[in-house]
N, C-alpha and C. Protein backbone atom coordinates (compact mmCIF):
# COMPACT_ATOMS: atom_id res chain seq x y z
N MET A 1 122.53 140.32 89.61
CA MET A 1 122.48 139.65 90.91
C MET A 1 121.39 138.58 90.88
N CYS A 2 121.76 137.42 91.30
CA CYS A 2 120.80 136.32 91.23
C CYS A 2 119.65 136.50 92.22
N ILE A 3 119.87 137.20 93.33
CA ILE A 3 118.78 137.31 94.31
C ILE A 3 117.67 138.24 93.83
N ASP A 4 117.87 138.94 92.74
CA ASP A 4 116.81 139.77 92.18
C ASP A 4 115.64 138.92 91.69
N LYS A 5 115.86 137.63 91.47
CA LYS A 5 114.80 136.72 91.03
C LYS A 5 113.89 136.28 92.18
N ILE A 6 114.28 136.58 93.40
CA ILE A 6 113.55 136.10 94.58
C ILE A 6 112.41 137.06 94.93
N ASN A 7 111.26 136.50 95.23
CA ASN A 7 110.14 137.27 95.72
C ASN A 7 110.36 137.42 97.24
N PHE A 8 110.80 138.60 97.66
CA PHE A 8 111.14 138.79 99.07
C PHE A 8 109.92 138.87 99.99
N ASP A 9 108.74 139.14 99.44
CA ASP A 9 107.54 139.04 100.28
C ASP A 9 107.33 137.58 100.68
N GLU A 10 107.49 136.67 99.73
CA GLU A 10 107.36 135.25 100.02
C GLU A 10 108.48 134.77 100.93
N ALA A 11 109.70 135.18 100.64
CA ALA A 11 110.84 134.76 101.46
C ALA A 11 110.70 135.27 102.89
N SER A 12 110.26 136.51 103.05
CA SER A 12 110.08 137.06 104.40
C SER A 12 109.01 136.29 105.15
N PHE A 13 107.93 135.93 104.46
CA PHE A 13 106.89 135.13 105.11
C PHE A 13 107.50 133.80 105.59
N PHE A 14 108.20 133.14 104.71
CA PHE A 14 108.79 131.83 105.02
C PHE A 14 109.70 131.90 106.24
N TYR A 15 110.54 132.92 106.32
CA TYR A 15 111.53 133.02 107.39
C TYR A 15 111.03 133.73 108.65
N LYS A 16 110.05 134.62 108.51
CA LYS A 16 109.71 135.48 109.65
C LYS A 16 108.29 135.35 110.18
N SER A 17 107.38 134.77 109.42
CA SER A 17 105.98 134.74 109.84
C SER A 17 105.76 133.76 110.99
N PRO A 18 104.92 134.16 111.95
CA PRO A 18 104.56 133.22 113.02
C PRO A 18 103.67 132.09 112.50
N HIS A 19 103.18 132.21 111.25
CA HIS A 19 102.35 131.17 110.65
C HIS A 19 103.17 130.09 109.94
N SER A 20 104.47 130.31 109.79
CA SER A 20 105.33 129.30 109.15
C SER A 20 105.48 128.09 110.06
N LEU A 21 105.75 126.95 109.46
CA LEU A 21 105.90 125.73 110.24
C LEU A 21 107.17 125.73 111.09
N VAL A 22 108.20 126.43 110.63
CA VAL A 22 109.48 126.48 111.34
C VAL A 22 109.76 127.91 111.79
N ASP A 23 110.20 128.06 113.02
CA ASP A 23 110.61 129.38 113.52
C ASP A 23 112.10 129.53 113.19
N TYR A 24 112.37 130.17 112.04
CA TYR A 24 113.75 130.28 111.58
C TYR A 24 114.61 131.20 112.45
N SER A 25 114.00 131.99 113.32
CA SER A 25 114.81 132.81 114.22
C SER A 25 115.50 131.96 115.28
N MET A 26 115.06 130.69 115.40
CA MET A 26 115.63 129.79 116.40
C MET A 26 116.56 128.74 115.78
N VAL A 27 116.68 128.72 114.47
CA VAL A 27 117.41 127.67 113.76
C VAL A 27 118.91 127.97 113.74
N GLN A 28 119.71 126.92 113.78
CA GLN A 28 121.17 127.05 113.72
C GLN A 28 121.62 127.56 112.35
N SER A 29 122.79 128.16 112.30
CA SER A 29 123.30 128.75 111.06
C SER A 29 123.43 127.73 109.93
N TYR A 30 123.82 126.51 110.24
CA TYR A 30 123.96 125.47 109.22
C TYR A 30 122.65 125.27 108.47
N THR A 31 121.57 125.12 109.21
CA THR A 31 120.25 124.90 108.62
C THR A 31 119.77 126.14 107.87
N LEU A 32 120.04 127.32 108.41
CA LEU A 32 119.64 128.56 107.73
C LEU A 32 120.31 128.68 106.37
N ILE A 33 121.59 128.42 106.32
CA ILE A 33 122.33 128.53 105.06
C ILE A 33 121.82 127.50 104.06
N LYS A 34 121.61 126.26 104.50
CA LYS A 34 121.09 125.23 103.60
C LYS A 34 119.69 125.58 103.10
N SER A 35 118.89 126.23 103.93
CA SER A 35 117.53 126.56 103.52
C SER A 35 117.51 127.54 102.34
N VAL A 36 118.53 128.36 102.23
CA VAL A 36 118.60 129.32 101.13
C VAL A 36 118.80 128.60 99.80
N ILE A 37 119.47 127.48 99.82
CA ILE A 37 119.65 126.71 98.59
C ILE A 37 118.29 126.25 98.07
N GLU A 38 117.43 125.80 98.97
CA GLU A 38 116.08 125.40 98.57
C GLU A 38 115.33 126.56 97.94
N LEU A 39 115.45 127.70 98.55
CA LEU A 39 114.79 128.91 98.03
C LEU A 39 115.36 129.29 96.66
N PHE A 40 116.67 129.25 96.52
CA PHE A 40 117.29 129.54 95.22
C PHE A 40 116.77 128.57 94.16
N ALA A 41 116.74 127.28 94.48
CA ALA A 41 116.26 126.27 93.52
C ALA A 41 114.81 126.54 93.13
N TYR A 42 113.99 126.91 94.09
CA TYR A 42 112.57 127.19 93.83
C TYR A 42 112.41 128.32 92.80
N TYR A 43 113.24 129.35 92.92
CA TYR A 43 113.16 130.50 92.01
C TYR A 43 114.00 130.33 90.75
N GLY A 44 114.53 129.15 90.53
CA GLY A 44 115.27 128.87 89.30
C GLY A 44 116.69 129.39 89.29
N ILE A 45 117.22 129.71 90.46
CA ILE A 45 118.61 130.17 90.57
C ILE A 45 119.47 128.92 90.76
N THR A 46 120.15 128.50 89.71
CA THR A 46 120.94 127.27 89.80
C THR A 46 122.42 127.53 90.02
N ASP A 47 122.88 128.74 89.74
CA ASP A 47 124.29 129.09 89.94
C ASP A 47 124.38 130.31 90.85
N PHE A 48 125.22 130.19 91.88
CA PHE A 48 125.33 131.27 92.87
C PHE A 48 126.67 131.19 93.57
N THR A 49 127.01 132.25 94.26
CA THR A 49 128.25 132.31 95.04
C THR A 49 127.91 132.43 96.53
N ALA A 50 128.92 132.28 97.35
CA ALA A 50 128.73 132.49 98.79
C ALA A 50 128.30 133.93 99.05
N GLU A 51 128.80 134.86 98.26
CA GLU A 51 128.40 136.26 98.42
C GLU A 51 126.92 136.47 98.13
N ASP A 52 126.35 135.70 97.20
CA ASP A 52 124.92 135.79 96.92
C ASP A 52 124.10 135.39 98.15
N ILE A 53 124.54 134.35 98.83
CA ILE A 53 123.85 133.92 100.05
C ILE A 53 123.99 134.99 101.13
N LYS A 54 125.18 135.52 101.28
CA LYS A 54 125.39 136.59 102.27
C LYS A 54 124.49 137.78 101.95
N GLU A 55 124.43 138.17 100.68
CA GLU A 55 123.58 139.30 100.27
C GLU A 55 122.11 139.00 100.55
N PHE A 56 121.70 137.75 100.37
CA PHE A 56 120.32 137.36 100.67
C PHE A 56 120.02 137.65 102.14
N PHE A 57 120.91 137.22 103.04
CA PHE A 57 120.67 137.44 104.47
C PHE A 57 120.73 138.92 104.85
N VAL A 58 121.58 139.68 104.20
CA VAL A 58 121.62 141.13 104.45
C VAL A 58 120.25 141.73 104.12
N ARG A 59 119.72 141.36 102.98
CA ARG A 59 118.43 141.92 102.54
C ARG A 59 117.27 141.39 103.37
N LEU A 60 117.32 140.13 103.80
CA LEU A 60 116.24 139.53 104.57
C LEU A 60 116.11 140.12 105.97
N GLU A 61 117.24 140.43 106.60
CA GLU A 61 117.27 140.98 107.97
C GLU A 61 116.57 140.06 108.97
N LEU A 62 116.98 138.80 108.99
CA LEU A 62 116.42 137.83 109.93
C LEU A 62 117.12 137.95 111.27
N VAL A 63 116.37 138.28 112.30
CA VAL A 63 116.93 138.42 113.64
C VAL A 63 116.87 137.07 114.35
N GLN A 64 118.02 136.62 114.84
CA GLN A 64 118.07 135.37 115.59
C GLN A 64 117.74 135.65 117.05
N GLN A 65 116.89 134.81 117.62
CA GLN A 65 116.46 135.02 119.00
C GLN A 65 117.57 134.80 120.02
N LYS A 66 118.53 133.92 119.71
CA LYS A 66 119.56 133.59 120.70
C LYS A 66 120.44 134.79 121.05
N ASN A 67 120.62 135.71 120.10
CA ASN A 67 121.46 136.87 120.38
C ASN A 67 120.81 138.20 119.98
N ASN A 68 119.59 138.14 119.48
CA ASN A 68 118.83 139.32 119.09
C ASN A 68 119.58 140.19 118.07
N LYS A 69 120.30 139.52 117.16
CA LYS A 69 121.03 140.22 116.10
C LYS A 69 120.63 139.67 114.74
N VAL A 70 120.79 140.51 113.72
CA VAL A 70 120.52 140.08 112.36
C VAL A 70 121.58 139.04 111.98
N PHE A 71 121.12 137.94 111.40
CA PHE A 71 122.01 136.86 110.99
C PHE A 71 122.62 137.17 109.63
N ILE A 72 123.92 137.40 109.61
CA ILE A 72 124.67 137.59 108.37
C ILE A 72 125.92 136.71 108.48
N PRO A 73 125.88 135.55 107.83
CA PRO A 73 127.01 134.63 107.94
C PRO A 73 128.23 135.12 107.17
N SER A 74 129.39 134.73 107.63
CA SER A 74 130.63 135.07 106.92
C SER A 74 130.76 134.18 105.68
N ARG A 75 131.58 134.61 104.76
CA ARG A 75 131.82 133.79 103.57
C ARG A 75 132.42 132.44 103.96
N LYS A 76 133.30 132.45 104.93
CA LYS A 76 133.93 131.21 105.39
C LYS A 76 132.87 130.24 105.92
N LYS A 77 131.93 130.74 106.71
CA LYS A 77 130.87 129.90 107.26
C LYS A 77 129.99 129.35 106.13
N ILE A 78 129.62 130.21 105.18
CA ILE A 78 128.79 129.79 104.06
C ILE A 78 129.51 128.70 103.26
N ASP A 79 130.76 128.95 102.91
CA ASP A 79 131.53 127.97 102.14
C ASP A 79 131.64 126.64 102.88
N SER A 80 131.85 126.68 104.19
CA SER A 80 131.98 125.43 104.94
C SER A 80 130.68 124.63 104.93
N VAL A 81 129.55 125.30 104.99
CA VAL A 81 128.26 124.60 104.92
C VAL A 81 128.02 124.06 103.51
N LEU A 82 128.28 124.87 102.50
CA LEU A 82 128.02 124.45 101.13
C LEU A 82 128.93 123.31 100.70
N GLU A 83 130.17 123.29 101.19
CA GLU A 83 131.09 122.20 100.86
C GLU A 83 130.54 120.84 101.31
N LEU A 84 129.76 120.84 102.38
CA LEU A 84 129.16 119.60 102.87
C LEU A 84 128.04 119.10 101.96
N CYS A 85 127.55 119.98 101.08
CA CYS A 85 126.45 119.62 100.17
C CYS A 85 126.93 119.19 98.79
N ILE A 86 128.22 119.27 98.56
CA ILE A 86 128.76 118.90 97.25
C ILE A 86 128.71 117.39 97.09
N GLY A 87 128.08 116.96 96.00
CA GLY A 87 128.01 115.53 95.69
C GLY A 87 127.09 114.72 96.57
N GLY A 88 126.13 115.36 97.22
CA GLY A 88 125.19 114.63 98.07
C GLY A 88 124.30 113.70 97.27
N ARG A 89 123.64 112.78 97.96
CA ARG A 89 122.77 111.82 97.28
C ARG A 89 121.42 112.41 96.89
N ASP A 90 120.72 112.99 97.85
CA ASP A 90 119.38 113.53 97.58
C ASP A 90 119.44 114.97 97.09
N ASN A 91 120.04 115.81 97.88
CA ASN A 91 120.26 117.20 97.50
C ASN A 91 121.74 117.34 97.19
N SER A 92 122.06 117.99 96.06
CA SER A 92 123.45 118.00 95.66
C SER A 92 123.85 119.30 94.98
N LEU A 93 125.06 119.75 95.31
CA LEU A 93 125.69 120.89 94.67
C LEU A 93 126.97 120.43 94.00
N SER A 94 127.42 121.21 93.03
CA SER A 94 128.77 121.06 92.50
C SER A 94 129.42 122.44 92.57
N TYR A 95 130.73 122.49 92.38
CA TYR A 95 131.46 123.74 92.57
C TYR A 95 132.53 123.87 91.50
N HIS A 96 132.60 125.07 90.89
CA HIS A 96 133.62 125.35 89.88
C HIS A 96 133.83 126.86 89.78
N ASN A 97 135.08 127.30 89.84
CA ASN A 97 135.44 128.72 89.68
C ASN A 97 134.66 129.65 90.61
N ASP A 98 134.65 129.35 91.90
CA ASP A 98 133.97 130.16 92.92
C ASP A 98 132.46 130.23 92.77
N THR A 99 131.88 129.34 91.96
CA THR A 99 130.43 129.32 91.77
C THR A 99 129.89 127.94 92.12
N TYR A 100 128.82 127.94 92.91
CA TYR A 100 128.12 126.71 93.25
C TYR A 100 127.00 126.50 92.23
N HIS A 101 126.76 125.24 91.91
CA HIS A 101 125.69 124.89 90.98
C HIS A 101 124.78 123.87 91.66
N ILE A 102 123.47 124.10 91.59
CA ILE A 102 122.52 123.16 92.16
C ILE A 102 122.30 122.05 91.15
N ASP A 103 122.74 120.86 91.50
CA ASP A 103 122.52 119.69 90.65
C ASP A 103 121.13 119.11 90.89
N ARG A 104 120.78 118.95 92.16
CA ARG A 104 119.45 118.47 92.59
C ARG A 104 119.15 119.11 93.94
N TRP A 105 117.92 119.57 94.10
CA TRP A 105 117.51 120.09 95.41
C TRP A 105 116.01 120.03 95.53
N ASP A 106 115.52 119.51 96.63
CA ASP A 106 114.09 119.39 96.89
C ASP A 106 113.54 120.74 97.34
N THR A 107 112.53 121.24 96.67
CA THR A 107 111.93 122.54 97.01
C THR A 107 110.54 122.39 97.60
N SER A 108 110.15 121.17 97.95
CA SER A 108 108.77 120.93 98.38
C SER A 108 108.40 121.63 99.69
N GLY A 109 109.34 121.79 100.61
CA GLY A 109 109.04 122.48 101.87
C GLY A 109 108.68 123.94 101.65
N TYR A 110 109.49 124.62 100.86
CA TYR A 110 109.24 126.04 100.56
C TYR A 110 107.95 126.17 99.75
N ALA A 111 107.77 125.32 98.76
CA ALA A 111 106.57 125.36 97.92
C ALA A 111 105.31 125.11 98.75
N TYR A 112 105.39 124.17 99.69
CA TYR A 112 104.24 123.88 100.56
C TYR A 112 103.89 125.09 101.42
N GLU A 113 104.89 125.70 102.04
CA GLU A 113 104.64 126.87 102.89
C GLU A 113 103.96 127.99 102.10
N LEU A 114 104.45 128.26 100.90
CA LEU A 114 103.87 129.34 100.09
C LEU A 114 102.45 129.00 99.68
N SER A 115 102.22 127.78 99.26
CA SER A 115 100.89 127.35 98.85
C SER A 115 99.90 127.45 100.01
N ALA A 116 100.29 126.98 101.17
CA ALA A 116 99.43 127.04 102.35
C ALA A 116 99.13 128.49 102.74
N ALA A 117 100.14 129.34 102.68
CA ALA A 117 99.95 130.75 103.03
C ALA A 117 99.00 131.43 102.06
N LYS A 118 99.15 131.13 100.78
CA LYS A 118 98.27 131.73 99.77
C LYS A 118 96.84 131.23 99.92
N ASN A 119 96.67 129.94 100.22
CA ASN A 119 95.34 129.38 100.41
C ASN A 119 94.63 129.98 101.61
N LYS A 120 95.39 130.38 102.63
CA LYS A 120 94.82 130.98 103.84
C LYS A 120 94.71 132.50 103.73
N GLY A 121 95.15 133.05 102.61
CA GLY A 121 95.10 134.51 102.42
C GLY A 121 96.16 135.27 103.19
N LEU A 122 97.23 134.58 103.58
CA LEU A 122 98.31 135.22 104.33
C LEU A 122 99.36 135.86 103.43
N LEU A 123 99.33 135.51 102.16
CA LEU A 123 100.27 136.08 101.18
C LEU A 123 99.51 136.65 100.01
């Protein structure tokens, strides 16, 4: 499983901490799904499936404030978001045999959050 490469203490801080720059419990599903690609790229996960993203959210247990429920997107929702990222200019995915591949993705936001948290002793 590709998500085994993820440091979930860091990921939980990024998504759930009140010290993070973005309150991900308030973010729309489109942005949440795209944010996981950044996280995957940061941890060197370049090939993944929609099921990997779904499994990530199951394990993360991020509660959305709008409905007070854990956010677990459907495969259809994940695929529809990821299809919009195929062949992009700045951040880009490709797709082959039910697997997405990260061609280019900026990880500076996630890297900044982790660095700032570590410098402040929050991680």
